[in-house]
C-alpha atoms as a PDB file:
ATOM      1  CA  MET A   1      72.799 322.719  83.226  1.00  0.00           C
ATOM      2  CA  ASP A   2      74.210 324.940  85.957  1.00  0.00           C
ATOM      3  CA  VAL A   3      75.947 322.675  88.496  1.00  0.00           C
ATOM      4  CA  LYS A   4      75.686 325.460  91.058  1.00  0.00           C
ATOM      5  CA  ARG A   5      71.989 324.720  91.290  1.00  0.00           C
ATOM      6  CA  LEU A   6      72.571 321.088  92.295  1.00  0.00           C
ATOM      7  CA  ASP A   7      72.289 320.236  95.978  1.00  0.00           C
ATOM      8  CA  ASP A   8      75.207 318.682  97.861  1.00  0.00           C
ATOM      9  CA  ASP A   9      73.742 315.163  97.892  1.00  0.00           C
ATOM     10  CA  THR A  10      73.392 315.158  94.100  1.00  0.00           C
ATOM     11  CA  MET A  11      76.901 316.541  93.639  1.00  0.00           C
ATOM     12  CA  LEU A  12      78.297 313.890  95.977  1.00  0.00           C
ATOM     13  CA  GLN A  13      76.631 311.165  93.898  1.00  0.00           C
ATOM     14  CA  ILE A  14      78.198 312.619  90.752  1.00  0.00           C
ATOM     15  CA  LEU A  15      81.661 313.019  92.254  1.00  0.00           C
ATOM     16  CA  GLY A  16      81.363 309.526  93.697  1.00  0.00           C
ATOM     17  CA  CYS A  17      81.569 308.190  90.138  1.00  0.00           C
ATOM     18  CA  LEU A  18      85.165 309.409  89.827  1.00  0.00           C
ATOM     19  CA  ASP A  19      87.462 306.385  89.860  1.00  0.00           C
ATOM     20  CA  THR A  20      90.956 307.724  89.205  1.00  0.00           C
ATOM     21  CA  ASP A  21      93.297 309.735  91.371  1.00  0.00           C
ATOM     22  CA  GLU A  22      93.722 312.341  88.620  1.00  0.00           C
ATOM     23  CA  ASP A  23      89.972 312.993  88.444  1.00  0.00           C
ATOM     24  CA  ILE A  24      89.586 313.282  92.221  1.00  0.00           C
ATOM     25  CA  ALA A  25      92.605 315.596  92.533  1.00  0.00           C
ATOM     26  CA  ARG A  26      91.297 317.848  89.747  1.00  0.00           C
ATOM     27  CA  ALA A  27      87.785 317.920  91.171  1.00  0.00           C
ATOM     28  CA  GLY A  28      89.119 318.946  94.562  1.00  0.00           C
ATOM     29  CA  ALA A  29      91.051 321.809  92.975  1.00  0.00           C
ATOM     30  CA  VAL A  30      88.123 323.348  91.051  1.00  0.00           C
ATOM     31  CA  CYS A  31      86.834 325.499  93.899  1.00  0.00           C
ATOM     32  CA  ARG A  32      86.321 325.504  97.649  1.00  0.00           C
ATOM     33  CA  SER A  33      82.854 323.986  97.457  1.00  0.00           C
ATOM     34  CA  TRP A  34      84.038 321.082  95.303  1.00  0.00           C
ATOM     35  CA  HIS A  35      87.018 320.565  97.590  1.00  0.00           C
ATOM     36  CA  ARG A  36      84.632 320.380 100.544  1.00  0.00           C
ATOM     37  CA  LEU A  37      82.531 317.796  98.691  1.00  0.00           C
ATOM     38  CA  VAL A  38      85.606 315.680  97.947  1.00  0.00           C
ATOM     39  CA  VAL A  39      86.461 315.775 101.643  1.00  0.00           C
ATOM     40  CA  ASP A  40      82.895 315.142 102.851  1.00  0.00           C
ATOM     41  CA  GLY A  41      82.454 312.331 100.336  1.00  0.00           C
ATOM     42  CA  ARG A  42      85.613 310.588 101.617  1.00  0.00           C
ATOM     43  CA  LEU A  43      86.603 310.035  97.996  1.00  0.00           C
ATOM     44  CA  TRP A  44      90.258 309.237  98.663  1.00  0.00           C
ATOM     45  CA  ARG A  45      89.316 306.551 101.170  1.00  0.00           C
ATOM     46  CA  ARG A  46      86.804 305.164  98.690  1.00  0.00           C
ATOM     47  CA  LEU A  47      89.442 305.040  95.935  1.00  0.00           C
ATOM     48  CA  CYS A  48      91.835 303.140  98.237  1.00  0.00           C
ATOM     49  CA  MET A  49      89.111 300.578  98.951  1.00  0.00           C
ATOM     50  CA  ILE A  50      88.364 300.138  95.242  1.00  0.00           C
ATOM     51  CA  ARG A  51      92.004 299.415  94.392  1.00  0.00           C
ATOM     52  CA  PHE A  52      92.742 297.425  97.565  1.00  0.00           C
ATOM     53  CA  PRO A  53      89.546 295.854  98.990  1.00  0.00           C
ATOM     54  CA  GLU A  54      91.385 294.447 102.024  1.00  0.00           C
ATOM     55  CA  LEU A  55      91.732 298.048 103.298  1.00  0.00           C
ATOM     56  CA  GLU A  56      88.004 298.125 104.088  1.00  0.00           C
ATOM     57  CA  VAL A  57      88.889 297.413 107.744  1.00  0.00           C
ATOM     58  CA  PHE A  58      90.474 300.872 108.116  1.00  0.00           C
ATOM     59  CA  ARG A  59      87.598 302.850 109.631  1.00  0.00           C
ATOM     60  CA  GLU A  60      89.668 305.520 111.393  1.00  0.00           C
ATOM     61  CA  VAL A  61      92.934 307.369 110.900  1.00  0.00           C
ATOM     62  CA  ALA A  62      95.520 308.786 113.273  1.00  0.00           C
ATOM     63  CA  GLU A  63      98.657 310.852 112.884  1.00  0.00           C
ATOM     64  CA  GLN A  64     101.793 310.305 114.914  1.00  0.00           C
ATOM     65  CA  SER A  65     104.793 312.536 115.437  1.00  0.00           C
ATOM     66  CA  SER A  66     108.047 311.267 116.961  1.00  0.00           C
ATOM     67  CA  GLY A  67     106.277 308.306 118.481  1.00  0.00           C
ATOM     68  CA  VAL A  68     103.560 310.429 120.119  1.00  0.00           C
ATOM     69  CA  ASP A  69     100.019 309.463 119.190  1.00  0.00           C
ATOM     70  CA  CYS A  70      98.200 312.512 117.827  1.00  0.00           C
ATOM     71  CA  THR A  71      94.825 310.879 117.294  1.00  0.00           C
ATOM     72  CA  THR A  72      93.301 313.588 119.471  1.00  0.00           C
ATOM     73  CA  VAL A  73      94.234 317.030 118.151  1.00  0.00           C
ATOM     74  CA  GLU A  74      93.298 320.518 119.184  1.00  0.00           C
ATOM     75  CA  LEU A  75      90.363 321.601 117.077  1.00  0.00           C
ATOM     76  CA  SER A  76      89.999 324.965 115.387  1.00  0.00           C
ATOM     77  CA  LYS A  77      87.145 327.052 116.765  1.00  0.00           C
ATOM     78  CA  SER A  78      85.706 327.392 113.269  1.00  0.00           C
ATOM     79  CA  ARG A  79      85.425 323.644 112.664  1.00  0.00           C
ATOM     80  CA  SER A  80      83.254 320.993 114.155  1.00  0.00           C
ATOM     81  CA  VAL A  81      84.710 317.747 115.413  1.00  0.00           C
ATOM     82  CA  GLU A  82      83.242 315.905 112.432  1.00  0.00           C
ATOM     83  CA  GLU A  83      84.789 318.346 109.942  1.00  0.00           C
ATOM     84  CA  ASP A  84      88.187 317.969 111.538  1.00  0.00           C
ATOM     85  CA  ILE A  85      87.967 314.172 111.411  1.00  0.00           C
ATOM     86  CA  LEU A  86      87.003 314.254 107.724  1.00  0.00           C
ATOM     87  CA  ARG A  87      89.827 316.640 106.829  1.00  0.00           C
ATOM     88  CA  ARG A  88      92.370 314.516 108.667  1.00  0.00           C
ATOM     89  CA  GLU A  89      91.054 311.386 106.946  1.00  0.00           C
ATOM     90  CA  HIS A  90      91.181 313.159 103.574  1.00  0.00           C
ATOM     91  CA  LYS A  91      94.836 314.084 104.067  1.00  0.00           C
ATOM     92  CA  VAL A  92      95.931 310.657 105.358  1.00  0.00           C
ATOM     93  CA  PHE A  93      94.149 308.598 102.681  1.00  0.00           C
ATOM     94  CA  CYS A  94      95.298 310.910  99.884  1.00  0.00           C
ATOM     95  CA  ASP A  95      98.931 310.425 100.931  1.00  0.00           C
ATOM     96  CA  PHE A  96      98.309 306.736 101.573  1.00  0.00           C
ATOM     97  CA  TYR A  97      96.905 306.186  98.086  1.00  0.00           C
ATOM     98  CA  TYR A  98     100.004 307.637  96.433  1.00  0.00           C
ATOM     99  CA  SER A  99     102.223 305.509  98.688  1.00  0.00           C
ATOM    100  CA  LEU A 100     100.240 302.425  97.671  1.00  0.00           C
ATOM    101  CA  THR A 101     100.389 303.104  93.947  1.00  0.00           C
ATOM    102  CA  ARG A 102     103.761 304.743  93.512  1.00  0.00           C
ATOM    103  CA  THR A 103     105.868 303.313  90.711  1.00  0.00           C
ATOM    104  CA  SER A 104     108.224 300.740  92.182  1.00  0.00           C
ATOM    105  CA  SER A 105     110.532 298.070  90.906  1.00  0.00           C
ATOM    106  CA  THR A 106     109.445 294.582  91.911  1.00  0.00           C
ATOM    107  CA  ARG A 107     113.071 293.442  92.042  1.00  0.00           C
ATOM    108  CA  SER A 108     113.407 293.815  95.823  1.00  0.00           C
ATOM    109  CA  SER A 109     112.466 291.149  98.359  1.00  0.00           C
ATOM    110  CA  TYR A 110     110.527 292.588 101.267  1.00  0.00           C
ATOM    111  CA  ILE A 111     110.719 289.585 103.561  1.00  0.00           C
ATOM    112  CA  TRP A 112     112.359 290.619 106.820  1.00  0.00           C
ATOM    113  CA  ASN A 113     112.941 287.221 108.396  1.00  0.00           C
ATOM    114  CA  ALA A 114     111.741 283.618 108.494  1.00  0.00           C
ATOM    115  CA  LEU A 115     109.533 282.727 111.448  1.00  0.00           C
ATOM    116  CA  HIS A 116     108.835 279.008 111.291  1.00  0.00           C
ATOM    117  CA  ALA A 117     107.870 276.034 109.145  1.00  0.00           C
ATOM    118  CA  SER A 118     105.173 273.438 109.686  1.00  0.00           C
ATOM    119  CA  SER A 119     107.917 270.781 109.807  1.00  0.00           C
ATOM    120  CA  THR A 120     111.701 270.593 109.398  1.00  0.00           C
ATOM    121  CA  ASP A 121     113.708 267.479 108.623  1.00  0.00           C
ATOM    122  CA  ASN A 122     116.803 268.552 110.578  1.00  0.00           C
ATOM    123  CA  PRO A 123     118.167 271.776 112.142  1.00  0.00           C
ATOM    124  CA  ASN A 124     120.528 272.467 109.231  1.00  0.00           C
ATOM    125  CA  GLU A 125     117.523 272.614 106.890  1.00  0.00           C
ATOM    126  CA  ASP A 126     115.657 275.334 108.784  1.00  0.00           C
ATOM    127  CA  VAL A 127     113.293 277.724 107.008  1.00  0.00           C
ATOM    128  CA  ILE A 128     115.755 280.606 107.434  1.00  0.00           C
ATOM    129  CA  GLN A 129     117.853 278.942 104.722  1.00  0.00           C
ATOM    130  CA  THR A 130     115.211 279.998 102.173  1.00  0.00           C
ATOM    131  CA  LEU A 131     116.335 283.624 102.559  1.00  0.00           C
ATOM    132  CA  TYR A 132     119.695 282.934 100.940  1.00  0.00           C
ATOM    133  CA  PRO A 133     119.757 284.045  97.294  1.00  0.00           C
ATOM    134  CA  HIS A 134     121.786 280.994  96.187  1.00  0.00           C
ATOM    135  CA  PRO A 135     121.525 277.375  97.333  1.00  0.00           C
ATOM    136  CA  LYS A 136     125.291 276.914  97.912  1.00  0.00           C
ATOM    137  CA  ARG A 137     126.333 279.772 100.185  1.00  0.00           C
ATOM    138  CA  LEU A 138     127.049 278.116 103.529  1.00  0.00           C
ATOM    139  CA  SER A 139     130.655 278.202 104.683  1.00  0.00           C
ATOM    140  CA  SER A 140     130.466 274.506 105.534  1.00  0.00           C
ATOM    141  CA  GLY A 141     130.017 273.763 101.837  1.00  0.00           C
ATOM    142  CA  SER A 142     126.594 272.226 102.360  1.00  0.00           C
ATOM    143  CA  PRO A 143     123.699 273.580 100.279  1.00  0.00           C
ATOM    144  CA  SER A 144     121.234 276.006 101.874  1.00  0.00           C
ATOM    145  CA  TYR A 145     117.618 274.872 101.674  1.00  0.00           C
ATOM    146  CA  TRP A 146     114.600 274.043 103.799  1.00  0.00           C
ATOM    147  CA  SER A 147     113.335 270.476 103.889  1.00  0.00           C
ATOM    148  CA  SER A 148     110.081 269.134 105.261  1.00  0.00           C
ATOM    149  CA  THR A 149     109.876 265.873 107.164  1.00  0.00           C
ATOM    150  CA  GLY A 150     109.104 262.787 105.106  1.00  0.00           C
ATOM    151  CA  GLN A 151     105.505 261.674 104.626  1.00  0.00           C
ATOM    152  CA  LYS A 152     103.948 258.473 103.347  1.00  0.00           C
ATOM    153  CA  LEU A 153     101.111 260.418 101.721  1.00  0.00           C
ATOM    154  CA  GLU A 154     101.772 262.884  98.923  1.00  0.00           C
ATOM    155  CA  THR A 155      98.770 265.014  99.967  1.00  0.00           C
ATOM    156  CA  VAL A 156     100.213 266.318 103.266  1.00  0.00           C
ATOM    157  CA  PRO A 157     100.735 270.119 102.908  1.00  0.00           C
ATOM    158  CA  GLU A 158     103.501 272.243 104.399  1.00  0.00           C
ATOM    159  CA  PHE A 159     103.582 275.889 105.497  1.00  0.00           C
ATOM    160  CA  LEU A 160     106.450 278.407 105.550  1.00  0.00           C
ATOM    161  CA  THR A 161     105.791 281.577 107.560  1.00  0.00           C
ATOM    162  CA  TYR A 162     107.674 284.865 107.222  1.00  0.00           C
ATOM    163  CA  ARG A 163     107.561 288.418 108.544  1.00  0.00           C
ATOM    164  CA  MET A 164     107.622 291.338 106.133  1.00  0.00           C
ATOM    165  CA  VAL A 165     109.790 294.425 106.611  1.00  0.00           C
ATOM    166  CA  THR A 166     106.998 296.705 107.776  1.00  0.00           C
ATOM    167  CA  PRO A 167     103.525 296.201 109.296  1.00  0.00           C
ATOM    168  CA  LEU A 168     102.019 297.253 105.951  1.00  0.00           C
ATOM    169  CA  CYS A 169     103.494 296.168 102.602  1.00  0.00           C
ATOM    170  CA  VAL A 170     102.303 296.035  99.008  1.00  0.00           C
ATOM    171  CA  VAL A 171     103.092 292.667  97.413  1.00  0.00           C
ATOM    172  CA  GLU A 172     102.869 292.137  93.662  1.00  0.00           C
ATOM    173  CA  GLU A 173     104.573 288.814  93.079  1.00  0.00           C
ATOM    174  CA  ILE A 174     106.311 285.959  94.857  1.00  0.00           C
ATOM    175  CA  LYS A 175     109.359 284.075  93.671  1.00  0.00           C
ATOM    176  CA  LEU A 176     110.072 280.497  94.740  1.00  0.00           C
ATOM    177  CA  ARG A 177     112.799 278.057  93.836  1.00  0.00           C
ATOM    178  CA  PRO A 178     112.449 274.304  94.482  1.00  0.00           C
ATOM    179  CA  PHE A 179     115.587 272.487  95.572  1.00  0.00           C
ATOM    180  CA  GLU A 180     117.468 270.056  93.363  1.00  0.00           C
ATOM    181  CA  ALA A 181     119.277 267.452  95.487  1.00  0.00           C
ATOM    182  CA  PHE A 182     122.394 267.324  93.297  1.00  0.00           C
ATOM    183  CA  PHE A 183     124.100 265.105  95.897  1.00  0.00           C
ATOM    184  CA  GLN A 184     121.516 262.325  95.432  1.00  0.00           C
ATOM    185  CA  TYR A 185     121.413 259.845  92.556  1.00  0.00           C
ATOM    186  CA  GLY A 186     119.576 261.328  89.580  1.00  0.00           C
ATOM    187  CA  SER A 187     119.529 264.851  91.134  1.00  0.00           C
ATOM    188  CA  PRO A 188     115.827 264.700  92.134  1.00  0.00           C
ATOM    189  CA  ILE A 189     113.878 267.963  92.532  1.00  0.00           C
ATOM    190  CA  TYR A 190     111.680 268.081  95.628  1.00  0.00           C
ATOM    191  CA  SER A 191     109.081 270.595  94.473  1.00  0.00           C
ATOM    192  CA  PRO A 192     105.450 270.840  95.600  1.00  0.00           C
ATOM    193  CA  LYS A 193     102.667 270.405  93.074  1.00  0.00           C
ATOM    194  CA  PHE A 194     100.951 273.690  93.926  1.00  0.00           C
ATOM    195  CA  VAL A 195     101.534 276.813  95.987  1.00  0.00           C
ATOM    196  CA  ARG A 196      99.225 279.345  97.626  1.00  0.00           C
ATOM    197  CA  PHE A 197      99.970 282.565  99.550  1.00  0.00           C
ATOM    198  CA  TYR A 198      98.437 284.106 102.667  1.00  0.00           C
ATOM    199  CA  PHE A 199      98.787 287.666 103.981  1.00  0.00           C
ATOM    200  CA  GLY A 200      97.640 288.843 107.393  1.00  0.00           C
ATOM    201  CA  TYR A 201      98.503 289.549 110.989  1.00  0.00           C
ATOM    202  CA  GLN A 202      99.153 287.778 114.241  1.00  0.00           C
ATOM    203  CA  ALA A 203      95.907 287.489 116.180  1.00  0.00           C
ATOM    204  CA  CYS A 204      97.634 288.297 119.468  1.00  0.00           C
ATOM    205  CA  ARG A 205      99.004 291.600 118.165  1.00  0.00           C
ATOM    206  CA  ALA A 206      98.462 294.053 120.993  1.00  0.00           C
ATOM    207  CA  PRO A 207      96.222 297.040 120.169  1.00  0.00           C
ATOM    208  CA  GLY A 208      98.275 300.163 119.693  1.00  0.00           C
ATOM    209  CA  GLY A 209     101.621 298.415 119.478  1.00  0.00           C
ATOM    210  CA  HIS A 210     103.889 296.148 117.484  1.00  0.00           C
ATOM    211  CA  SER A 211     104.081 292.406 117.881  1.00  0.00           C
ATOM    212  CA  TRP A 212     107.596 291.832 116.591  1.00  0.00           C
ATOM    213  CA  SER A 213     108.523 288.919 118.838  1.00  0.00           C
ATOM    214  CA  ASN A 214     108.674 285.608 117.013  1.00  0.00           C
ATOM    215  CA  PRO A 215     105.242 283.989 117.185  1.00  0.00           C
ATOM    216  CA  HIS A 216     104.872 280.426 118.325  1.00  0.00           C
ATOM    217  CA  PRO A 217     104.699 277.924 115.411  1.00  0.00           C
ATOM    218  CA  ASP A 218     101.102 277.210 116.399  1.00  0.00           C
ATOM    219  CA  GLY A 219     100.298 280.906 116.607  1.00  0.00           C
ATOM    220  CA  ASN A 220      96.895 282.078 115.448  1.00  0.00           C
ATOM    221  CA  TYR A 221      96.879 284.253 112.329  1.00  0.00           C
ATOM    222  CA  VAL A 222      94.130 286.240 110.676  1.00  0.00           C
ATOM    223  CA  TRP A 223      94.433 286.234 106.891  1.00  0.00           C
ATOM    224  CA  LYS A 224      93.142 289.338 105.095  1.00  0.00           C
ATOM    225  CA  TYR A 225      93.989 287.970 101.647  1.00  0.00           C
ATOM    226  CA  VAL A 226      94.425 284.432 100.292  1.00  0.00           C
ATOM    227  CA  SER A 227      95.766 283.988  96.753  1.00  0.00           C
ATOM    228  CA  PRO A 228      94.588 281.502  94.133  1.00  0.00           C
ATOM    229  CA  MET A 229      96.423 278.165  93.866  1.00  0.00           C
ATOM    230  CA  TYR A 230      99.336 278.156  91.405  1.00  0.00           C
ATOM    231  CA  PRO A 231     100.947 275.082  89.792  1.00  0.00           C
ATOM    232  CA  VAL A 232     104.673 274.659  90.450  1.00  0.00           C
ATOM    233  CA  GLU A 233     107.070 273.262  87.877  1.00  0.00           C
ATOM    234  CA  GLN A 234     109.324 270.435  88.989  1.00  0.00           C
ATOM    235  CA  ALA A 235     112.359 272.366  87.876  1.00  0.00           C
ATOM    236  CA  ASP A 236     115.481 273.867  89.423  1.00  0.00           C
ATOM    237  CA  SER A 237     114.567 277.444  88.544  1.00  0.00           C
ATOM    238  CA  LEU A 238     113.369 280.625  90.216  1.00  0.00           C
ATOM    239  CA  GLN A 239     109.644 280.593  89.449  1.00  0.00           C
ATOM    240  CA  THR A 240     107.511 283.734  89.550  1.00  0.00           C
ATOM    241  CA  PHE A 241     103.920 283.798  90.792  1.00  0.00           C
ATOM    242  CA  ARG A 242     102.244 287.120  90.057  1.00  0.00           C
ATOM    243  CA  LEU A 243      99.196 287.963  92.131  1.00  0.00           C
ATOM    244  CA  PRO A 244      95.962 288.873  90.291  1.00  0.00           C
ATOM    245  CA  ARG A 245      96.400 292.396  91.654  1.00  0.00           C
ATOM    246  CA  PRO A 246      98.760 294.146  94.076  1.00  0.00           C
ATOM    247  CA  VAL A 247      97.828 293.176  97.635  1.00  0.00           C
ATOM    248  CA  VAL A 248      98.383 295.060 100.883  1.00  0.00           C
ATOM    249  CA  CYS A 249      99.770 292.723 103.512  1.00  0.00           C
ATOM    250  CA  ILE A 250      98.062 294.063 106.647  1.00  0.00           C
ATOM    251  CA  GLY A 251     100.063 292.939 109.640  1.00  0.00           C
ATOM    252  CA  GLY A 252     103.300 291.915 107.958  1.00  0.00           C
ATOM    253  CA  ILE A 253     102.791 288.139 108.176  1.00  0.00           C
ATOM    254  CA  PHE A 254     103.306 286.206 104.942  1.00  0.00           C
ATOM    255  CA  GLN A 255     102.720 282.470 104.642  1.00  0.00           C
ATOM    256  CA  VAL A 256     103.446 280.058 101.801  1.00  0.00           C
ATOM    257  CA  GLU A 257     101.321 276.928 101.557  1.00  0.00           C
ATOM    258  CA  LEU A 258     102.976 274.074  99.673  1.00  0.00           C
ATOM    259  CA  VAL A 259     100.366 271.625  98.428  1.00  0.00           C
ATOM    260  CA  GLY A 260     101.052 268.133  97.103  1.00  0.00           C
ATOM    261  CA  ARG A 261     104.306 266.186  96.965  1.00  0.00           C
ATOM    262  CA  VAL A 262     106.062 264.896  93.879  1.00  0.00           C
ATOM    263  CA  GLN A 263     109.361 263.319  94.832  1.00  0.00           C
ATOM    264  CA  LYS A 264     110.165 260.335  97.049  1.00  0.00           C
ATOM    265  CA  GLN A 265     113.553 259.922  98.670  1.00  0.00           C
ATOM    266  CA  SER A 266     115.065 256.615  97.608  1.00  0.00           C
ATOM    267  CA  THR A 267     116.550 255.798 101.025  1.00  0.00           C
ATOM    268  CA  ASP A 268     113.264 255.799 102.973  1.00  0.00           C
ATOM    269  CA  GLN A 269     110.588 255.936 100.226  1.00  0.00           C
ATOM    270  CA  LEU A 270     108.947 258.973 101.842  1.00  0.00           C
ATOM    271  CA  TYR A 271     107.722 262.134 100.102  1.00  0.00           C
ATOM    272  CA  TYR A 272     109.575 265.389 100.848  1.00  0.00           C
ATOM    273  CA  ILE A 273     109.288 269.045  99.840  1.00  0.00           C
ATOM    274  CA  CYS A 274     112.484 271.114  99.684  1.00  0.00           C
ATOM    275  CA  ILE A 275     112.716 274.838  98.901  1.00  0.00           C
ATOM    276  CA  CYS A 276     115.944 276.788  98.524  1.00  0.00           C
ATOM    277  CA  HIS A 277     114.599 280.322  98.076  1.00  0.00           C
ATOM    278  CA  VAL A 278     111.466 282.427  98.688  1.00  0.00           C
ATOM    279  CA  SER A 279     111.099 286.160  98.074  1.00  0.00           C
ATOM    280  CA  ALA A 280     108.204 288.609  97.941  1.00  0.00           C
ATOM    281  CA  GLN A 281     108.401 291.576  95.561  1.00  0.00           C
ATOM    282  CA  GLY A 282     106.576 294.860  95.888  1.00  0.00           C
ATOM    283  CA  SER A 283     107.095 297.896  98.109  1.00  0.00           C
ATOM    284  CA  SER A 284     107.064 298.702 101.804  1.00  0.00           C
ATOM    285  CA  LEU A 285     104.875 301.365 103.406  1.00  0.00           C
ATOM    286  CA  GLN A 286     107.469 302.782 105.758  1.00  0.00           C
ATOM    287  CA  ARG A 287     105.417 305.694 107.065  1.00  0.00           C
ATOM    288  CA  TYR A 288     102.331 303.730 108.089  1.00  0.00           C
ATOM    289  CA  ASP A 289     101.298 301.452 110.897  1.00  0.00           C
ATOM    290  CA  PHE A 290      97.946 300.258 112.194  1.00  0.00           C
ATOM    291  CA  GLU A 291      96.046 299.511 115.361  1.00  0.00           C
ATOM    292  CA  ILE A 292      93.339 296.892 115.834  1.00  0.00           C
ATOM    293  CA  LYS A 293      90.274 298.190 117.655  1.00  0.00           C
ATOM    294  CA  ASP A 294      88.180 295.130 116.849  1.00  0.00           C
ATOM    295  CA  PRO A 295      88.270 292.492 114.060  1.00  0.00           C
ATOM    296  CA  LYS A 296      86.299 294.747 111.714  1.00  0.00           C
ATOM    297  CA  SER A 297      87.666 298.144 112.683  1.00  0.00           C
ATOM    298  CA  PHE A 298      91.336 299.131 112.327  1.00  0.00           C
ATOM    299  CA  VAL A 299      93.042 302.495 112.727  1.00  0.00           C
ATOM    300  CA  LEU A 300      95.439 303.551 109.953  1.00  0.00           C
ATOM    301  CA  LYS A 301      98.357 305.437 111.501  1.00  0.00           C
ATOM    302  CA  SER A 302     100.365 307.942 109.486  1.00  0.00           C
ATOM    303  CA  LEU A 303     103.858 308.466 110.897  1.00  0.00           C
ATOM    304  CA  SER A 304     105.765 311.706 110.509  1.00  0.00           C
ATOM    305  CA  LYS A 305     108.881 309.694 109.622  1.00  0.00           C
ATOM    306  CA  PRO A 306     109.811 306.021 109.241  1.00  0.00           C
ATOM    307  CA  ILE A 307     110.726 304.092 112.365  1.00  0.00           C
ATOM    308  CA  GLU A 308     114.399 304.755 113.000  1.00  0.00           C
ATOM    309  CA  GLU A 309     116.781 302.337 111.373  1.00  0.00           C
ATOM    310  CA  GLU A 310     119.063 302.092 114.375  1.00  0.00           C
ATOM    311  CA  LYS A 311     116.259 300.563 116.430  1.00  0.00           C
ATOM    312  CA  GLU A 312     115.872 297.826 113.852  1.00  0.00           C
ATOM    313  CA  GLU A 313     119.635 297.261 113.813  1.00  0.00           C
ATOM    314  CA  GLU A 314     119.425 296.493 117.539  1.00  0.00           C
ATOM    315  CA  GLU A 315     116.649 293.979 116.952  1.00  0.00           C
ATOM    316  CA  VAL A 316     118.193 292.180 113.987  1.00  0.00           C
ATOM    317  CA  GLU A 317     120.482 289.999 116.132  1.00  0.00           C
ATOM    318  CA  GLU A 318     117.538 288.131 117.670  1.00  0.00           C
ATOM    319  CA  PHE A 319     116.606 286.719 114.264  1.00  0.00           C
ATOM    320  CA  PHE A 320     119.867 284.855 113.687  1.00  0.00           C
ATOM    321  CA  ARG A 321     119.563 281.153 114.379  1.00  0.00           C
ATOM    322  CA  ASP A 322     123.272 280.304 114.618  1.00  0.00           C
ATOM    323  CA  GLU A 323     126.723 281.807 114.099  1.00  0.00           C
ATOM    324  CA  GLU A 324     126.856 280.691 110.475  1.00  0.00           C
ATOM    325  CA  ASP A 325     123.633 282.567 109.644  1.00  0.00           C
ATOM    326  CA  GLU A 326     124.853 285.630 111.529  1.00  0.00           C
ATOM    327  CA  GLU A 327     128.159 285.701 109.665  1.00  0.00           C
ATOM    328  CA  PHE A 328     126.386 285.412 106.311  1.00  0.00           C
ATOM    329  CA  PHE A 329     124.066 288.314 107.029  1.00  0.00           C
ATOM    330  CA  ARG A 330     126.874 290.439 108.469  1.00  0.00           C
ATOM    331  CA  ARG A 331     128.749 290.115 105.171  1.00  0.00           C
ATOM    332  CA  LEU A 332     125.610 291.309 103.383  1.00  0.00           C
ATOM    333  CA  ARG A 333     124.745 294.023 105.904  1.00  0.00           C
ATOM    334  CA  PRO A 334     124.641 296.818 103.268  1.00  0.00           C
ATOM    335  CA  GLU A 335     121.975 294.865 101.377  1.00  0.00           C
ATOM    336  CA  LEU A 336     119.940 293.919 104.432  1.00  0.00           C
ATOM    337  CA  ILE A 337     116.386 295.165 104.565  1.00  0.00           C
ATOM    338  CA  VAL A 338     115.906 297.850 107.178  1.00  0.00           C
ATOM    339  CA  TRP A 339     112.389 299.220 106.819  1.00  0.00           C
ATOM    340  CA  GLY A 340     112.190 299.269 103.065  1.00  0.00           C
ATOM    341  CA  ARG A 341     115.695 298.628 101.734  1.00  0.00           C
ATOM    342  CA  PRO A 342     116.090 295.357  99.808  1.00  0.00           C
ATOM    343  CA  VAL A 343     117.856 292.327 101.272  1.00  0.00           C
ATOM    344  CA  PHE A 344     118.754 290.910  97.884  1.00  0.00           C
ATOM    345  CA  GLU A 345     118.182 292.113  94.375  1.00  0.00           C
ATOM    346  CA  ASP A 346     116.939 289.624  91.822  1.00  0.00           C
ATOM    347  CA  ASP A 347     120.198 290.140  89.945  1.00  0.00           C
ATOM    348  CA  ASP A 348     121.643 287.998  92.740  1.00  0.00           C
ATOM    349  CA  LEU A 349     119.193 285.205  91.902  1.00  0.00           C
ATOM    350  CA  GLY A 350     120.511 284.230  88.501  1.00  0.00           C
ATOM    351  CA  GLU A 351     121.788 280.831  87.551  1.00  0.00           C
ATOM    352  CA  TYR A 352     124.723 279.687  89.625  1.00  0.00           C
END
């Protein structure tokens, strides 16, 4: 059969069956007419949605250069507005797909900072302590861990909320380490029974801009992906929870739900949950941002270059909770995440 005799609608249906990046790239390189069909069929956008269903909200694209929004561009006289939009979308989603699926080590933690916890037993057991790679790093000699308040019921959940390094991140697995209270009789381990993970954005994020100020603990979040529930071992070990598939965290907010309590404290007979480390492995999408037009329609923004590191260096000070935390992170400044560089490598998370 001569494919040249097929009309465009039929060819689009055929090309729409392509489900790998190699096939789409080859089809678009066959000839000008096939390239036009790949563009008109929005095949790269479709492939992104197949691999990452949460990206369905991206209905438009924009390109930025040096902080200037280039959503509206000067059109060529030979192209219609619709053709220009499709070509721009084709380019952005093609690049975006390769950024999403590029080979990356999952050894790096892409949590930028700790925002808040649903409860905290005392100020020295704040959620920021979960960013330390080891549970005995404080200069005071006390162990670094987060502790919930005590509860009479073992069913009361807890939530730990973090911000990722960039507004868009790919997360493949989460690592969590329950805390062993070696200073208490019997060295009890205050682990939860189960854990679940949420990825989304702050509901008050202003359209067209960042929302990098620390949200209020009662802040409203919109979750674009919620993981299955995973059982947690009552063990002093770094436990890995691999997601069913890589997930794009749209909005850079990551929350850990800790479900069920196991261990009572002997002094007050209340149930506690204590965690000494949390990390999220995957990759950051440094050259992309997004804008919310409405809850079902987002704009994917392609940046000409990553947001400048020096701007993030100026902002990092606001995240330190006290001088001890600041001193710790200053010592590790070369390993600190700044838009895609790892805070800690998992080699740092071995047995101590």
